[in-house]
C-alpha atoms as a PDB file:
ATOM      1  CA  MET A   1       0.709 -22.484  -0.225  1.00  0.00           C
ATOM      2  CA  THR A   2       1.961 -26.026  -0.285  1.00  0.00           C
ATOM      3  CA  GLU A   3       1.946 -28.224   3.000  1.00  0.00           C
ATOM      4  CA  GLU A   4       5.758 -28.522   2.861  1.00  0.00           C
ATOM      5  CA  HIS A   5       6.138 -24.779   2.761  1.00  0.00           C
ATOM      6  CA  ASP A   6       3.761 -24.233   5.843  1.00  0.00           C
ATOM      7  CA  LYS A   7       5.728 -26.908   7.714  1.00  0.00           C
ATOM      8  CA  SER A   8       9.192 -25.429   6.993  1.00  0.00           C
ATOM      9  CA  GLY A   9       7.857 -22.084   8.200  1.00  0.00           C
ATOM     10  CA  GLU A  10       6.800 -23.883  11.349  1.00  0.00           C
ATOM     11  CA  ASP A  11      10.048 -25.443  11.843  1.00  0.00           C
ATOM     12  CA  LEU A  12      11.816 -21.956  11.538  1.00  0.00           C
ATOM     13  CA  VAL A  13       9.726 -20.657  14.010  1.00  0.00           C
ATOM     14  CA  GLU A  14      10.134 -23.456  16.430  1.00  0.00           C
ATOM     15  CA  LYS A  15      13.935 -23.411  15.780  1.00  0.00           C
ATOM     16  CA  ALA A  16      13.958 -19.454  16.418  1.00  0.00           C
ATOM     17  CA  LYS A  17      12.028 -20.147  19.716  1.00  0.00           C
ATOM     18  CA  ALA A  18      14.498 -22.712  21.024  1.00  0.00           C
ATOM     19  CA  ASP A  19      17.494 -20.674  19.922  1.00  0.00           C
ATOM     20  CA  ARG A  20      16.071 -17.639  21.877  1.00  0.00           C
ATOM     21  CA  LYS A  21      15.678 -19.888  24.858  1.00  0.00           C
ATOM     22  CA  ARG A  22      19.151 -20.876  24.935  1.00  0.00           C
ATOM     23  CA  ALA A  23      20.599 -17.443  24.349  1.00  0.00           C
ATOM     24  CA  ARG A  24      19.808 -15.777  27.613  1.00  0.00           C
ATOM     25  CA  GLY A  25      22.592 -13.310  28.073  1.00  0.00           C
ATOM     26  CA  PRO A  26      23.038 -10.121  25.939  1.00  0.00           C
ATOM     27  CA  ILE A  27      26.073 -11.364  24.084  1.00  0.00           C
ATOM     28  CA  ALA A  28      24.493 -14.601  23.205  1.00  0.00           C
ATOM     29  CA  ARG A  29      21.276 -12.770  21.999  1.00  0.00           C
ATOM     30  CA  ILE A  30      23.560 -10.490  19.548  1.00  0.00           C
ATOM     31  CA  ILE A  31      25.488 -13.357  18.404  1.00  0.00           C
ATOM     32  CA  LEU A  32      22.085 -15.092  17.699  1.00  0.00           C
ATOM     33  CA  PHE A  33      20.856 -12.135  15.945  1.00  0.00           C
ATOM     34  CA  VAL A  34      23.752 -11.947  13.768  1.00  0.00           C
ATOM     35  CA  ARG A  35      23.409 -15.600  12.727  1.00  0.00           C
ATOM     36  CA  GLN A  36      19.696 -15.129  11.961  1.00  0.00           C
ATOM     37  CA  VAL A  37      20.503 -12.061   9.874  1.00  0.00           C
ATOM     38  CA  ILE A  38      23.329 -14.137   8.119  1.00  0.00           C
ATOM     39  CA  SER A  39      20.890 -16.966   7.478  1.00  0.00           C
ATOM     40  CA  GLU A  40      18.194 -14.609   5.983  1.00  0.00           C
ATOM     41  CA  LEU A  41      20.678 -12.854   3.840  1.00  0.00           C
ATOM     42  CA  LYS A  42      21.707 -16.258   2.290  1.00  0.00           C
ATOM     43  CA  LYS A  43      18.116 -16.485   0.881  1.00  0.00           C
ATOM     44  CA  VAL A  44      18.318 -13.337  -0.839  1.00  0.00           C
ATOM     45  CA  THR A  45      18.444 -13.500  -4.767  1.00  0.00           C
ATOM     46  CA  ARG A  46      20.233 -10.653  -6.230  1.00  0.00           C
ATOM     47  CA  PRO A  47      19.170  -9.180  -9.695  1.00  0.00           C
ATOM     48  CA  THR A  48      20.881  -9.776 -12.885  1.00  0.00           C
ATOM     49  CA  TRP A  49      22.813  -6.926 -14.396  1.00  0.00           C
ATOM     50  CA  GLY A  50      19.898  -6.448 -16.910  1.00  0.00           C
ATOM     51  CA  GLU A  51      17.247  -6.570 -14.291  1.00  0.00           C
ATOM     52  CA  LEU A  52      19.284  -4.014 -12.212  1.00  0.00           C
ATOM     53  CA  ARG A  53      19.686  -1.659 -15.338  1.00  0.00           C
ATOM     54  CA  ASN A  54      15.978  -1.893 -16.044  1.00  0.00           C
ATOM     55  CA  TYR A  55      14.829  -1.278 -12.329  1.00  0.00           C
ATOM     56  CA  THR A  56      17.143   1.654 -12.460  1.00  0.00           C
ATOM     57  CA  PHE A  57      15.513   3.197 -15.553  1.00  0.00           C
ATOM     58  CA  VAL A  58      11.930   2.535 -14.276  1.00  0.00           C
ATOM     59  CA  VAL A  59      12.766   4.284 -10.916  1.00  0.00           C
ATOM     60  CA  LEU A  60      14.404   7.091 -12.648  1.00  0.00           C
ATOM     61  CA  GLY A  61      11.581   7.513 -15.153  1.00  0.00           C
ATOM     62  CA  PHE A  62       9.134   7.455 -12.367  1.00  0.00           C
ATOM     63  CA  VAL A  63      11.011  10.095 -10.432  1.00  0.00           C
ATOM     64  CA  ILE A  64      11.164  12.331 -13.579  1.00  0.00           C
ATOM     65  CA  VAL A  65       7.286  12.054 -14.246  1.00  0.00           C
ATOM     66  CA  VAL A  66       6.715  13.022 -10.452  1.00  0.00           C
ATOM     67  CA  MET A  67       9.123  15.944 -10.649  1.00  0.00           C
ATOM     68  CA  LEU A  68       7.283  17.327 -13.648  1.00  0.00           C
ATOM     69  CA  ILE A  69       3.896  16.719 -11.987  1.00  0.00           C
ATOM     70  CA  ILE A  70       5.009  18.668  -8.896  1.00  0.00           C
ATOM     71  CA  THR A  71       6.545  21.336 -10.812  1.00  0.00           C
ATOM     72  CA  LEU A  72       3.440  21.935 -12.696  1.00  0.00           C
ATOM     73  CA  PHE A  73       1.440  22.023  -9.650  1.00  0.00           C
ATOM     74  CA  ASP A  74       3.819  24.416  -8.084  1.00  0.00           C
ATOM     75  CA  TYR A  75       3.871  26.854 -11.074  1.00  0.00           C
ATOM     76  CA  GLY A  76       0.074  26.662 -11.150  1.00  0.00           C
ATOM     77  CA  PHE A  77      -0.564  27.456  -7.405  1.00  0.00           C
ATOM     78  CA  ALA A  78       2.025  30.193  -7.816  1.00  0.00           C
ATOM     79  CA  ALA A  79       0.245  31.771 -10.614  1.00  0.00           C
ATOM     80  CA  LEU A  80      -2.904  31.395  -8.595  1.00  0.00           C
ATOM     81  CA  VAL A  81      -1.549  33.119  -5.670  1.00  0.00           C
ATOM     82  CA  VAL A  82      -0.353  36.033  -7.662  1.00  0.00           C
ATOM     83  CA  TRP A  83      -3.639  36.432  -9.419  1.00  0.00           C
ATOM     84  CA  ALA A  84      -5.444  36.188  -6.152  1.00  0.00           C
ATOM     85  CA  PHE A  85      -3.452  38.673  -4.027  1.00  0.00           C
ATOM     86  CA  ASN A  86      -2.286  40.972  -7.059  1.00  0.00           C
ATOM     87  CA  PRO A  87      -3.989  44.465  -6.266  1.00  0.00           C
ATOM     88  CA  THR A  88      -6.058  45.546  -9.024  1.00  0.00           C
ATOM     89  CA  THR A  89      -5.679  49.171 -10.490  1.00  0.00           C
ATOM     90  CA  LYS A  90      -8.810  50.996 -10.990  1.00  0.00           C
END
């Protein structure tokens, strides 16, 4: 980490502590919370359309693979249970 990054983080912490000391009432704390949330949301970077599409396909592909694995295990265990508890005829 750079020294500038460390100082900016410390400044934010000190500012948050000072803001909290000023906001003693419940309404003031709610307003402070909303202001801090809005401040943090301004720092968020949103993905481009291409990144969003790519991430969506990656997640869907992962979900499909996990579904296939769980399905195979389910059928395997079902077959094992049927084999283990099926009465044998003599």
